[in-house]
N, C-alpha and C. Protein backbone atom coordinates (compact mmCIF):
# COMPACT_ATOMS: atom_id res chain seq x y z
N MET A 1 0.82 -1.20 0.00
CA MET A 1 0.00 0.00 0.00
C MET A 1 0.86 1.27 0.00
N ARG A 2 2.02 1.21 0.60
CA ARG A 2 2.87 2.40 0.62
C ARG A 2 3.27 2.85 -0.77
N ILE A 3 3.59 1.90 -1.63
CA ILE A 3 4.00 2.24 -2.98
C ILE A 3 2.87 2.93 -3.72
N SER A 4 1.65 2.50 -3.49
CA SER A 4 0.52 3.11 -4.19
C SER A 4 0.33 4.57 -3.78
N ARG A 5 0.77 4.94 -2.59
CA ARG A 5 0.66 6.34 -2.15
C ARG A 5 1.86 7.15 -2.62
N ILE A 6 3.01 6.54 -2.69
CA ILE A 6 4.24 7.25 -3.05
C ILE A 6 4.36 7.43 -4.56
N PHE A 7 3.89 6.46 -5.32
CA PHE A 7 4.03 6.49 -6.77
C PHE A 7 3.49 7.77 -7.41
N PRO A 8 2.28 8.21 -7.08
CA PRO A 8 1.79 9.46 -7.70
C PRO A 8 2.66 10.67 -7.38
N ILE A 9 3.21 10.71 -6.19
CA ILE A 9 4.09 11.82 -5.81
C ILE A 9 5.37 11.78 -6.64
N LEU A 10 5.98 10.62 -6.75
CA LEU A 10 7.20 10.48 -7.54
C LEU A 10 6.95 10.78 -9.01
N LEU A 11 5.82 10.35 -9.51
CA LEU A 11 5.47 10.62 -10.89
C LEU A 11 5.32 12.13 -11.12
N GLY A 12 4.65 12.80 -10.21
CA GLY A 12 4.48 14.25 -10.34
C GLY A 12 5.80 15.00 -10.31
N VAL A 13 6.68 14.64 -9.39
CA VAL A 13 7.98 15.30 -9.29
C VAL A 13 8.80 15.04 -10.54
N SER A 14 8.79 13.80 -11.05
CA SER A 14 9.58 13.49 -12.23
C SER A 14 9.06 14.21 -13.47
N LEU A 15 7.76 14.44 -13.54
CA LEU A 15 7.21 15.17 -14.68
C LEU A 15 7.46 16.66 -14.60
N MET A 16 7.58 17.20 -13.40
CA MET A 16 7.80 18.64 -13.23
C MET A 16 9.26 19.02 -13.40
N SER A 17 10.19 18.14 -13.14
CA SER A 17 11.61 18.47 -13.20
C SER A 17 12.07 18.99 -14.55
N PRO A 18 11.72 18.34 -15.67
CA PRO A 18 12.16 18.87 -16.96
C PRO A 18 11.61 20.26 -17.25
N PHE A 19 10.39 20.53 -16.77
CA PHE A 19 9.80 21.84 -17.00
C PHE A 19 10.52 22.92 -16.21
N ALA A 20 10.99 22.59 -15.03
CA ALA A 20 11.73 23.56 -14.22
C ALA A 20 13.02 23.92 -14.93
N PHE A 21 13.71 22.93 -15.49
CA PHE A 21 14.95 23.21 -16.22
C PHE A 21 14.65 23.95 -17.50
N ALA A 22 13.55 23.60 -18.15
CA ALA A 22 13.20 24.24 -19.41
C ALA A 22 13.02 25.74 -19.22
N GLY A 23 12.40 26.17 -18.13
CA GLY A 23 12.24 27.59 -17.87
C GLY A 23 13.58 28.28 -17.67
N ALA A 24 14.48 27.65 -16.95
CA ALA A 24 15.81 28.20 -16.74
C ALA A 24 16.57 28.27 -18.05
N LYS A 25 16.42 27.24 -18.86
CA LYS A 25 17.10 27.22 -20.16
C LYS A 25 16.56 28.32 -21.06
N ASP A 26 15.24 28.48 -21.07
CA ASP A 26 14.64 29.55 -21.87
C ASP A 26 15.11 30.92 -21.41
N ASP A 27 15.20 31.13 -20.10
CA ASP A 27 15.69 32.39 -19.55
C ASP A 27 17.13 32.64 -20.01
N PHE A 28 17.95 31.59 -19.98
CA PHE A 28 19.34 31.70 -20.41
C PHE A 28 19.42 32.07 -21.89
N ILE A 29 18.68 31.35 -22.72
CA ILE A 29 18.71 31.61 -24.16
C ILE A 29 18.25 33.03 -24.47
N ASN A 30 17.19 33.47 -23.83
CA ASN A 30 16.70 34.84 -24.04
C ASN A 30 17.74 35.87 -23.61
N ALA A 31 18.44 35.62 -22.50
CA ALA A 31 19.47 36.55 -22.03
C ALA A 31 20.63 36.61 -23.00
N VAL A 32 21.05 35.47 -23.54
CA VAL A 32 22.17 35.45 -24.50
C VAL A 32 21.79 36.19 -25.77
N VAL A 33 20.58 35.95 -26.27
CA VAL A 33 20.12 36.63 -27.49
C VAL A 33 20.06 38.14 -27.26
N LYS A 34 19.50 38.54 -26.14
CA LYS A 34 19.31 39.97 -25.86
C LYS A 34 20.62 40.68 -25.50
N GLN A 35 21.40 40.09 -24.59
CA GLN A 35 22.58 40.78 -24.08
C GLN A 35 23.82 40.60 -24.94
N CYS A 36 23.98 39.46 -25.58
CA CYS A 36 25.20 39.18 -26.35
C CYS A 36 24.99 39.25 -27.85
N LYS A 37 23.76 39.55 -28.25
CA LYS A 37 23.43 39.69 -29.67
C LYS A 37 23.78 38.45 -30.48
N LYS A 38 23.54 37.28 -29.89
CA LYS A 38 23.75 36.01 -30.58
C LYS A 38 22.43 35.56 -31.16
N SER A 39 22.50 34.69 -32.17
CA SER A 39 21.26 34.13 -32.72
C SER A 39 20.69 33.12 -31.73
N LYS A 40 19.44 32.78 -31.92
CA LYS A 40 18.81 31.80 -31.04
C LYS A 40 19.52 30.44 -31.16
N ALA A 41 19.94 30.09 -32.34
CA ALA A 41 20.65 28.81 -32.56
C ALA A 41 21.98 28.81 -31.81
N GLU A 42 22.72 29.93 -31.87
CA GLU A 42 23.98 30.03 -31.14
C GLU A 42 23.74 29.94 -29.63
N ALA A 43 22.71 30.62 -29.17
CA ALA A 43 22.39 30.61 -27.74
C ALA A 43 22.02 29.21 -27.27
N GLU A 44 21.28 28.48 -28.09
CA GLU A 44 20.90 27.11 -27.72
C GLU A 44 22.12 26.21 -27.61
N LYS A 45 23.12 26.43 -28.48
CA LYS A 45 24.37 25.65 -28.41
C LYS A 45 25.14 25.99 -27.14
N MET A 46 25.05 27.23 -26.69
CA MET A 46 25.77 27.68 -25.49
C MET A 46 25.09 27.19 -24.21
N ALA A 47 23.83 26.78 -24.29
CA ALA A 47 23.06 26.37 -23.11
C ALA A 47 23.42 24.94 -22.72
N THR A 48 24.52 24.80 -22.00
CA THR A 48 24.96 23.46 -21.61
C THR A 48 24.32 23.06 -20.29
N PRO A 49 23.90 21.79 -20.20
CA PRO A 49 23.23 21.30 -18.99
C PRO A 49 24.24 20.85 -17.93
N GLY A 50 23.72 20.40 -16.83
CA GLY A 50 24.56 19.83 -15.77
C GLY A 50 24.87 20.83 -14.67
N ARG A 51 25.47 20.30 -13.60
CA ARG A 51 25.76 21.13 -12.43
C ARG A 51 26.77 22.23 -12.73
N SER A 52 27.66 22.01 -13.69
CA SER A 52 28.64 23.05 -14.01
C SER A 52 28.35 23.69 -15.36
N GLY A 53 27.12 23.51 -15.86
CA GLY A 53 26.74 24.05 -17.16
C GLY A 53 26.43 25.54 -17.11
N THR A 54 26.34 26.13 -18.26
CA THR A 54 26.12 27.57 -18.36
C THR A 54 24.75 28.00 -17.86
N VAL A 55 23.74 27.14 -18.04
CA VAL A 55 22.39 27.49 -17.59
C VAL A 55 22.37 27.64 -16.07
N ILE A 56 22.98 26.70 -15.37
CA ILE A 56 23.02 26.75 -13.90
C ILE A 56 23.89 27.92 -13.44
N LYS A 57 25.00 28.17 -14.11
CA LYS A 57 25.84 29.31 -13.75
C LYS A 57 25.04 30.61 -13.83
N PHE A 58 24.22 30.74 -14.87
CA PHE A 58 23.41 31.93 -15.03
C PHE A 58 22.30 32.00 -13.99
N LYS A 59 21.63 30.89 -13.74
CA LYS A 59 20.50 30.89 -12.81
C LYS A 59 20.94 31.10 -11.37
N THR A 60 22.13 30.64 -11.01
CA THR A 60 22.59 30.73 -9.63
C THR A 60 23.74 31.71 -9.47
N CYS A 61 23.86 32.66 -10.36
CA CYS A 61 25.01 33.57 -10.32
C CYS A 61 25.13 34.24 -8.96
N SER A 62 26.36 34.36 -8.53
CA SER A 62 26.59 34.94 -7.20
C SER A 62 27.17 36.34 -7.30
N GLY A 63 27.15 36.91 -8.45
CA GLY A 63 27.66 38.25 -8.64
C GLY A 63 26.84 38.99 -9.68
N ALA A 64 27.34 40.10 -10.14
CA ALA A 64 26.60 40.91 -11.09
C ALA A 64 26.67 40.35 -12.51
N THR A 65 27.73 39.60 -12.83
CA THR A 65 27.89 39.04 -14.16
C THR A 65 28.33 37.59 -14.08
N VAL A 66 28.12 36.88 -15.17
CA VAL A 66 28.60 35.50 -15.29
C VAL A 66 29.09 35.31 -16.72
N ASP A 67 30.32 34.78 -16.85
CA ASP A 67 30.91 34.52 -18.16
C ASP A 67 30.42 33.16 -18.63
N VAL A 68 29.75 33.12 -19.77
CA VAL A 68 29.21 31.87 -20.29
C VAL A 68 29.94 31.41 -21.54
N GLY A 69 31.07 32.00 -21.83
CA GLY A 69 31.89 31.58 -22.96
C GLY A 69 31.53 32.29 -24.25
N SER A 70 32.31 32.00 -25.28
CA SER A 70 32.12 32.58 -26.63
C SER A 70 32.08 34.11 -26.60
N GLY A 71 32.85 34.71 -25.69
CA GLY A 71 32.90 36.16 -25.58
C GLY A 71 31.63 36.77 -25.03
N CYS A 72 30.86 36.00 -24.33
CA CYS A 72 29.57 36.47 -23.80
C CYS A 72 29.59 36.49 -22.28
N THR A 73 29.35 37.67 -21.73
CA THR A 73 29.22 37.83 -20.29
C THR A 73 27.82 38.38 -20.03
N LEU A 74 27.06 37.65 -19.22
CA LEU A 74 25.68 38.05 -18.96
C LEU A 74 25.57 38.82 -17.65
N GLN A 75 24.76 39.87 -17.68
CA GLN A 75 24.40 40.60 -16.47
C GLN A 75 23.30 39.79 -15.81
N CYS A 76 23.41 39.56 -14.53
CA CYS A 76 22.37 38.80 -13.86
C CYS A 76 22.13 39.33 -12.46
N LYS A 77 20.95 39.01 -11.97
CA LYS A 77 20.58 39.39 -10.62
C LYS A 77 21.36 38.50 -9.64
N ASP A 78 21.90 39.07 -8.61
CA ASP A 78 22.66 38.33 -7.61
C ASP A 78 21.71 37.43 -6.83
N ALA A 79 21.76 36.13 -7.13
CA ALA A 79 20.84 35.18 -6.51
C ALA A 79 21.07 35.04 -5.01
N SER A 80 22.26 35.33 -4.55
CA SER A 80 22.56 35.14 -3.13
C SER A 80 21.95 36.24 -2.26
N SER A 81 21.50 37.33 -2.89
CA SER A 81 20.98 38.43 -2.08
C SER A 81 19.46 38.43 -1.98
N SER A 82 18.82 37.46 -2.61
CA SER A 82 17.37 37.41 -2.51
C SER A 82 16.90 35.99 -2.24
N ILE A 83 15.94 35.86 -1.40
CA ILE A 83 15.41 34.54 -1.08
C ILE A 83 14.52 34.09 -2.23
N GLY A 84 14.75 32.86 -2.67
CA GLY A 84 13.94 32.32 -3.76
C GLY A 84 14.47 32.66 -5.12
N GLY A 85 15.69 33.18 -5.22
CA GLY A 85 16.28 33.45 -6.54
C GLY A 85 15.90 34.74 -7.03
C-alpha cells in the first residue's frame, strides 16, 4: 500500500523536473540573445546542462555578471541576495 501512495508523488515530481529546467534554459537563451546579440541557434548551443553548465551558472550567479563563454558575459541578478532566486 505504501508504494501506491508514493508512486503518484514520484510521478508528479519526475514530470515537473524537466519543465523547471526548461524555464531556466529559456531564460538563459533569451538573455544570451538579448545581451550578447547572438542568434537563437547560437544561444541554444551555449546552453549546456549539468551542475557546471552555463544554464546553472546563469541561474545561480553569485555576482553581477557571469561569463558563459564565446565572448559572452551576462548581467544577472545576484541570486545570493534574494530569497527564492
